[in-house]
Amino acid sequence: MKKNERLQQLTNAYQRLRESLEFPLSEPLVLDAAIQRFEFTFELAWKTLKIILEDQGLLCHSPKSCLKEAFKMGWIHDEENWIGLLKARNMTSHVYDEGMARDIYKTIKDKHHLFQSLILALNAIQLSEL
């Protein structure tokens, strides 16, 4: 898949994630929907980074290694919070109770703006290559 297509998918996924965060948690499916959309968005984020890093001649094979390379490249500026998102993503497959799900949701709600910053940085890279 081309990097432009992947970046567009990431942009769309992030928009859907933001939409899910606008609903009140009192709605029965909001928690599940937000976490699911976060999973999609995070997966697209690191896989988009992987493609663009490979295009730059840099290899990464895991979300953490791609995040570290993106930090070195200056595409992300808050490595600690990105690692926090990675931990939240890893926890999503182990959500056994509502308390843990709410903790993950809070992390998503507090840090989702990182995706927007990444998208802006990656779009700037794309424009500079034209």
N, C-alpha and C. Protein backbone atom coordinates (compact mmCIF):
# COMPACT_ATOMS: atom_id res chain seq x y z
N MET A 1 0.84 -1.18 0.00
CA MET A 1 0.00 0.00 0.00
C MET A 1 0.88 1.25 0.00
N LYS A 2 0.48 2.21 -0.75
CA LYS A 2 1.24 3.45 -0.85
C LYS A 2 1.09 4.28 0.42
N LYS A 3 2.14 5.04 0.70
CA LYS A 3 2.13 5.82 1.94
C LYS A 3 1.02 6.88 1.95
N ASN A 4 0.68 7.44 0.79
CA ASN A 4 -0.41 8.43 0.75
C ASN A 4 -1.74 7.80 1.15
N GLU A 5 -1.97 6.59 0.66
CA GLU A 5 -3.21 5.89 1.00
C GLU A 5 -3.25 5.55 2.49
N ARG A 6 -2.12 5.09 3.01
CA ARG A 6 -2.06 4.73 4.43
C ARG A 6 -2.26 5.96 5.29
N LEU A 7 -1.66 7.08 4.90
CA LEU A 7 -1.83 8.32 5.66
C LEU A 7 -3.28 8.78 5.63
N GLN A 8 -3.94 8.60 4.52
CA GLN A 8 -5.36 8.96 4.43
C GLN A 8 -6.20 8.06 5.33
N GLN A 9 -5.86 6.77 5.37
CA GLN A 9 -6.57 5.85 6.26
C GLN A 9 -6.38 6.25 7.72
N LEU A 10 -5.16 6.64 8.06
CA LEU A 10 -4.88 7.10 9.42
C LEU A 10 -5.70 8.34 9.75
N THR A 11 -5.74 9.27 8.84
CA THR A 11 -6.51 10.50 9.03
C THR A 11 -7.99 10.18 9.26
N ASN A 12 -8.53 9.29 8.44
CA ASN A 12 -9.93 8.90 8.58
C ASN A 12 -10.19 8.19 9.91
N ALA A 13 -9.29 7.30 10.29
CA ALA A 13 -9.45 6.57 11.55
C ALA A 13 -9.40 7.53 12.72
N TYR A 14 -8.51 8.49 12.67
CA TYR A 14 -8.42 9.47 13.77
C TYR A 14 -9.70 10.30 13.86
N GLN A 15 -10.24 10.68 12.72
CA GLN A 15 -11.49 11.44 12.72
C GLN A 15 -12.61 10.61 13.36
N ARG A 16 -12.67 9.34 13.06
CA ARG A 16 -13.69 8.47 13.66
C ARG A 16 -13.45 8.31 15.17
N LEU A 17 -12.19 8.23 15.58
CA LEU A 17 -11.88 8.16 17.01
C LEU A 17 -12.37 9.41 17.71
N ARG A 18 -12.07 10.56 17.14
CA ARG A 18 -12.52 11.82 17.75
C ARG A 18 -14.03 11.88 17.86
N GLU A 19 -14.72 11.39 16.84
CA GLU A 19 -16.19 11.36 16.89
C GLU A 19 -16.67 10.53 18.08
N SER A 20 -16.03 9.39 18.30
CA SER A 20 -16.46 8.51 19.40
C SER A 20 -16.24 9.16 20.76
N LEU A 21 -15.26 10.04 20.85
CA LEU A 21 -14.96 10.69 22.12
C LEU A 21 -15.93 11.84 22.44
N GLU A 22 -16.74 12.22 21.48
CA GLU A 22 -17.70 13.30 21.68
C GLU A 22 -18.97 12.84 22.39
N PHE A 23 -19.20 11.53 22.41
CA PHE A 23 -20.40 11.01 23.04
C PHE A 23 -20.18 10.83 24.53
N PRO A 24 -21.22 11.00 25.33
CA PRO A 24 -21.06 10.81 26.77
C PRO A 24 -20.89 9.33 27.12
N LEU A 25 -20.11 9.06 28.14
CA LEU A 25 -19.89 7.69 28.57
C LEU A 25 -21.16 7.02 29.10
N SER A 26 -22.19 7.80 29.33
CA SER A 26 -23.45 7.21 29.78
C SER A 26 -24.12 6.41 28.66
N GLU A 27 -23.73 6.66 27.43
CA GLU A 27 -24.23 5.85 26.31
C GLU A 27 -23.60 4.47 26.40
N PRO A 28 -24.39 3.40 26.29
CA PRO A 28 -23.90 2.05 26.56
C PRO A 28 -22.69 1.59 25.74
N LEU A 29 -22.59 1.95 24.48
CA LEU A 29 -21.52 1.42 23.64
C LEU A 29 -20.34 2.36 23.43
N VAL A 30 -20.39 3.53 24.02
CA VAL A 30 -19.36 4.53 23.78
C VAL A 30 -17.98 4.04 24.23
N LEU A 31 -17.88 3.46 25.38
CA LEU A 31 -16.60 2.98 25.89
C LEU A 31 -15.98 1.96 24.95
N ASP A 32 -16.77 0.98 24.56
CA ASP A 32 -16.27 -0.06 23.65
C ASP A 32 -15.89 0.52 22.29
N ALA A 33 -16.74 1.41 21.77
CA ALA A 33 -16.49 2.00 20.45
C ALA A 33 -15.21 2.83 20.46
N ALA A 34 -15.03 3.63 21.49
CA ALA A 34 -13.83 4.48 21.56
C ALA A 34 -12.57 3.63 21.64
N ILE A 35 -12.62 2.58 22.44
CA ILE A 35 -11.44 1.71 22.57
C ILE A 35 -11.15 1.00 21.25
N GLN A 36 -12.19 0.52 20.59
CA GLN A 36 -11.99 -0.16 19.30
C GLN A 36 -11.42 0.81 18.25
N ARG A 37 -11.95 1.99 18.20
CA ARG A 37 -11.46 2.99 17.24
C ARG A 37 -10.02 3.40 17.58
N PHE A 38 -9.71 3.46 18.85
CA PHE A 38 -8.33 3.75 19.26
C PHE A 38 -7.39 2.65 18.75
N GLU A 39 -7.80 1.40 18.90
CA GLU A 39 -6.97 0.29 18.42
C GLU A 39 -6.67 0.45 16.93
N PHE A 40 -7.71 0.72 16.13
CA PHE A 40 -7.51 0.91 14.69
C PHE A 40 -6.56 2.07 14.42
N THR A 41 -6.79 3.17 15.11
CA THR A 41 -5.99 4.37 14.88
C THR A 41 -4.53 4.13 15.26
N PHE A 42 -4.30 3.51 16.39
CA PHE A 42 -2.92 3.25 16.81
C PHE A 42 -2.22 2.32 15.83
N GLU A 43 -2.90 1.27 15.40
CA GLU A 43 -2.29 0.33 14.45
C GLU A 43 -1.93 1.04 13.15
N LEU A 44 -2.84 1.86 12.65
CA LEU A 44 -2.55 2.62 11.43
C LEU A 44 -1.41 3.61 11.64
N ALA A 45 -1.33 4.21 12.82
CA ALA A 45 -0.28 5.18 13.10
C ALA A 45 1.10 4.53 13.01
N TRP A 46 1.30 3.41 13.71
CA TRP A 46 2.64 2.84 13.69
C TRP A 46 2.95 2.20 12.35
N LYS A 47 1.95 1.66 11.67
CA LYS A 47 2.21 1.05 10.36
C LYS A 47 2.46 2.12 9.30
N THR A 48 1.84 3.28 9.45
CA THR A 48 2.14 4.40 8.56
C THR A 48 3.57 4.88 8.80
N LEU A 49 3.94 4.99 10.06
CA LEU A 49 5.32 5.36 10.39
C LEU A 49 6.30 4.36 9.78
N LYS A 50 6.00 3.10 9.88
CA LYS A 50 6.87 2.06 9.34
C LYS A 50 7.11 2.26 7.85
N ILE A 51 6.03 2.50 7.11
CA ILE A 51 6.14 2.71 5.66
C ILE A 51 6.98 3.94 5.34
N ILE A 52 6.71 5.04 6.03
CA ILE A 52 7.42 6.29 5.74
C ILE A 52 8.88 6.20 6.19
N LEU A 53 9.13 5.55 7.31
CA LEU A 53 10.52 5.35 7.75
C LEU A 53 11.28 4.49 6.76
N GLU A 54 10.64 3.43 6.27
CA GLU A 54 11.30 2.57 5.28
C GLU A 54 11.62 3.36 4.02
N ASP A 55 10.72 4.27 3.65
CA ASP A 55 10.96 5.13 2.49
C ASP A 55 12.17 6.04 2.72
N GLN A 56 12.46 6.33 3.98
CA GLN A 56 13.61 7.16 4.35
C GLN A 56 14.88 6.30 4.55
N GLY A 57 14.74 4.99 4.35
CA GLY A 57 15.87 4.09 4.50
C GLY A 57 16.07 3.57 5.92
N LEU A 58 15.08 3.76 6.78
CA LEU A 58 15.17 3.32 8.17
C LEU A 58 14.20 2.16 8.41
N LEU A 59 14.66 1.15 9.11
CA LEU A 59 13.83 -0.01 9.38
C LEU A 59 13.36 -0.03 10.83
N CYS A 60 12.11 -0.40 11.00
CA CYS A 60 11.57 -0.65 12.32
C CYS A 60 10.60 -1.81 12.18
N HIS A 61 10.52 -2.63 13.21
CA HIS A 61 9.74 -3.85 13.09
C HIS A 61 8.64 -3.97 14.12
N SER A 62 8.54 -3.03 15.01
CA SER A 62 7.53 -3.09 16.07
C SER A 62 7.01 -1.67 16.31
N PRO A 63 5.87 -1.57 16.95
CA PRO A 63 5.37 -0.22 17.26
C PRO A 63 6.37 0.61 18.05
N LYS A 64 6.99 0.01 19.06
CA LYS A 64 7.93 0.76 19.91
C LYS A 64 9.14 1.24 19.12
N SER A 65 9.69 0.37 18.27
CA SER A 65 10.87 0.79 17.50
C SER A 65 10.50 1.86 16.48
N CYS A 66 9.30 1.79 15.90
CA CYS A 66 8.87 2.83 14.96
C CYS A 66 8.66 4.15 15.68
N LEU A 67 8.09 4.10 16.87
CA LEU A 67 7.90 5.33 17.65
C LEU A 67 9.24 5.96 18.00
N LYS A 68 10.20 5.15 18.39
CA LYS A 68 11.53 5.67 18.75
C LYS A 68 12.20 6.32 17.53
N GLU A 69 12.08 5.69 16.37
CA GLU A 69 12.67 6.26 15.15
C GLU A 69 11.96 7.57 14.78
N ALA A 70 10.64 7.59 14.91
CA ALA A 70 9.89 8.82 14.60
C ALA A 70 10.29 9.95 15.54
N PHE A 71 10.55 9.61 16.79
CA PHE A 71 11.02 10.61 17.75
C PHE A 71 12.39 11.15 17.32
N LYS A 72 13.28 10.25 16.93
CA LYS A 72 14.62 10.68 16.46
C LYS A 72 14.51 11.58 15.24
N MET A 73 13.52 11.30 14.37
CA MET A 73 13.33 12.09 13.15
C MET A 73 12.64 13.42 13.44
N GLY A 74 12.12 13.58 14.65
CA GLY A 74 11.42 14.81 15.00
C GLY A 74 9.97 14.84 14.56
N TRP A 75 9.42 13.69 14.19
CA TRP A 75 8.03 13.63 13.74
C TRP A 75 7.07 13.55 14.91
N ILE A 76 7.54 13.01 16.02
CA ILE A 76 6.77 13.05 17.26
C ILE A 76 7.66 13.72 18.30
N HIS A 77 7.02 14.41 19.23
CA HIS A 77 7.79 15.22 20.17
C HIS A 77 7.61 14.79 21.62
N ASP A 78 6.70 13.89 21.85
CA ASP A 78 6.40 13.50 23.22
C ASP A 78 6.48 11.97 23.32
N GLU A 79 7.70 11.48 23.29
CA GLU A 79 7.92 10.04 23.25
C GLU A 79 7.28 9.34 24.45
N GLU A 80 7.36 9.95 25.61
CA GLU A 80 6.81 9.33 26.82
C GLU A 80 5.30 9.11 26.69
N ASN A 81 4.58 10.11 26.19
CA ASN A 81 3.14 9.96 26.02
C ASN A 81 2.79 8.97 24.91
N TRP A 82 3.61 8.91 23.88
CA TRP A 82 3.39 7.89 22.84
C TRP A 82 3.58 6.49 23.41
N ILE A 83 4.57 6.33 24.26
CA ILE A 83 4.77 5.03 24.91
C ILE A 83 3.56 4.72 25.80
N GLY A 84 3.00 5.74 26.41
CA GLY A 84 1.77 5.57 27.19
C GLY A 84 0.62 5.08 26.32
N LEU A 85 0.52 5.63 25.10
CA LEU A 85 -0.50 5.16 24.17
C LEU A 85 -0.24 3.70 23.77
N LEU A 86 1.03 3.37 23.56
CA LEU A 86 1.38 1.99 23.23
C LEU A 86 0.97 1.05 24.36
N LYS A 87 1.24 1.44 25.59
CA LYS A 87 0.84 0.61 26.73
C LYS A 87 -0.68 0.46 26.79
N ALA A 88 -1.39 1.54 26.54
CA ALA A 88 -2.85 1.47 26.52
C ALA A 88 -3.32 0.54 25.41
N ARG A 89 -2.68 0.64 24.26
CA ARG A 89 -3.04 -0.25 23.14
C ARG A 89 -2.80 -1.70 23.52
N ASN A 90 -1.69 -1.98 24.16
CA ASN A 90 -1.40 -3.35 24.56
C ASN A 90 -2.40 -3.86 25.61
N MET A 91 -2.90 -2.96 26.42
CA MET A 91 -3.87 -3.35 27.44
C MET A 91 -5.25 -3.64 26.86
N THR A 92 -5.54 -3.09 25.68
CA THR A 92 -6.89 -3.24 25.13
C THR A 92 -7.27 -4.69 24.89
N SER A 93 -6.29 -5.54 24.64
CA SER A 93 -6.61 -6.95 24.43
C SER A 93 -6.78 -7.69 25.74
N HIS A 94 -6.57 -7.01 26.85
CA HIS A 94 -6.67 -7.64 28.17
C HIS A 94 -7.71 -6.95 29.06
N VAL A 95 -8.65 -6.26 28.44
CA VAL A 95 -9.65 -5.55 29.22
C VAL A 95 -10.65 -6.57 29.76
N TYR A 96 -10.59 -6.77 31.06
CA TYR A 96 -11.47 -7.74 31.71
C TYR A 96 -12.58 -7.08 32.51
N ASP A 97 -12.41 -5.83 32.86
CA ASP A 97 -13.43 -5.19 33.66
C ASP A 97 -13.61 -3.74 33.23
N GLU A 98 -14.71 -3.19 33.64
CA GLU A 98 -15.05 -1.83 33.23
C GLU A 98 -14.07 -0.81 33.79
N GLY A 99 -13.52 -1.06 34.97
CA GLY A 99 -12.56 -0.12 35.55
C GLY A 99 -11.33 0.03 34.68
N MET A 100 -10.80 -1.09 34.19
CA MET A 100 -9.63 -1.04 33.31
C MET A 100 -10.00 -0.36 31.99
N ALA A 101 -11.19 -0.67 31.48
CA ALA A 101 -11.64 -0.05 30.23
C ALA A 101 -11.75 1.47 30.40
N ARG A 102 -12.24 1.90 31.55
CA ARG A 102 -12.35 3.35 31.80
C ARG A 102 -10.96 4.01 31.93
N ASP A 103 -10.00 3.30 32.49
CA ASP A 103 -8.63 3.82 32.56
C ASP A 103 -8.06 4.00 31.16
N ILE A 104 -8.28 3.02 30.31
CA ILE A 104 -7.80 3.11 28.93
C ILE A 104 -8.50 4.27 28.22
N TYR A 105 -9.80 4.38 28.42
CA TYR A 105 -10.56 5.48 27.82
C TYR A 105 -10.00 6.83 28.24
N LYS A 106 -9.69 6.96 29.53
CA LYS A 106 -9.13 8.23 30.02
C LYS A 106 -7.81 8.54 29.34
N THR A 107 -6.96 7.53 29.17
CA THR A 107 -5.70 7.74 28.46
C THR A 107 -5.96 8.19 27.03
N ILE A 108 -6.90 7.55 26.37
CA ILE A 108 -7.24 7.93 24.99
C ILE A 108 -7.73 9.37 24.95
N LYS A 109 -8.64 9.69 25.83
CA LYS A 109 -9.24 11.03 25.86
C LYS A 109 -8.17 12.09 26.12
N ASP A 110 -7.22 11.79 27.02
CA ASP A 110 -6.18 12.75 27.38
C ASP A 110 -5.08 12.90 26.32
N LYS A 111 -4.87 11.85 25.52
CA LYS A 111 -3.70 11.85 24.63
C LYS A 111 -4.00 11.70 23.15
N HIS A 112 -5.27 11.67 22.78
CA HIS A 112 -5.60 11.45 21.37
C HIS A 112 -5.05 12.54 20.45
N HIS A 113 -4.81 13.72 21.00
CA HIS A 113 -4.27 14.82 20.19
C HIS A 113 -2.89 14.46 19.59
N LEU A 114 -2.21 13.49 20.17
CA LEU A 114 -0.91 13.08 19.63
C LEU A 114 -1.05 12.56 18.21
N PHE A 115 -2.17 11.90 17.93
CA PHE A 115 -2.39 11.42 16.56
C PHE A 115 -2.50 12.58 15.58
N GLN A 116 -3.19 13.63 15.98
CA GLN A 116 -3.34 14.79 15.12
C GLN A 116 -1.98 15.42 14.83
N SER A 117 -1.15 15.54 15.84
CA SER A 117 0.19 16.10 15.64
C SER A 117 1.01 15.23 14.69
N LEU A 118 0.91 13.93 14.85
CA LEU A 118 1.63 13.02 13.96
C LEU A 118 1.14 13.17 12.52
N ILE A 119 -0.17 13.22 12.35
CA ILE A 119 -0.73 13.37 11.00
C ILE A 119 -0.24 14.66 10.35
N LEU A 120 -0.22 15.74 11.10
CA LEU A 120 0.28 17.02 10.56
C LEU A 120 1.75 16.90 10.16
N ALA A 121 2.56 16.26 11.00
CA ALA A 121 3.98 16.09 10.69
C ALA A 121 4.17 15.23 9.44
N LEU A 122 3.42 14.15 9.33
CA LEU A 122 3.57 13.26 8.18
C LEU A 122 3.06 13.91 6.90
N ASN A 123 2.01 14.71 7.01
CA ASN A 123 1.53 15.46 5.84
C ASN A 123 2.58 16.46 5.39
N ALA A 124 3.27 17.10 6.32
CA ALA A 124 4.33 18.05 5.97
C ALA A 124 5.47 17.33 5.23
N ILE A 125 5.79 16.13 5.67
CA ILE A 125 6.82 15.34 4.98
C ILE A 125 6.39 15.05 3.56
N GLN A 126 5.14 14.64 3.40
CA GLN A 126 4.61 14.33 2.08
C GLN A 126 4.69 15.56 1.16
N LEU A 127 4.30 16.72 1.70
CA LEU A 127 4.34 17.94 0.90
C LEU A 127 5.76 18.32 0.51
N SER A 128 6.69 18.12 1.42
CA SER A 128 8.08 18.49 1.13
C SER A 128 8.70 17.60 0.05
N GLU A 129 8.12 16.42 -0.15
CA GLU A 129 8.64 15.52 -1.16
C GLU A 129 8.09 15.77 -2.54
N LEU A 130 7.08 16.65 -2.64
CA LEU A 130 6.47 16.95 -3.95
C LEU A 130 7.34 17.85 -4.79
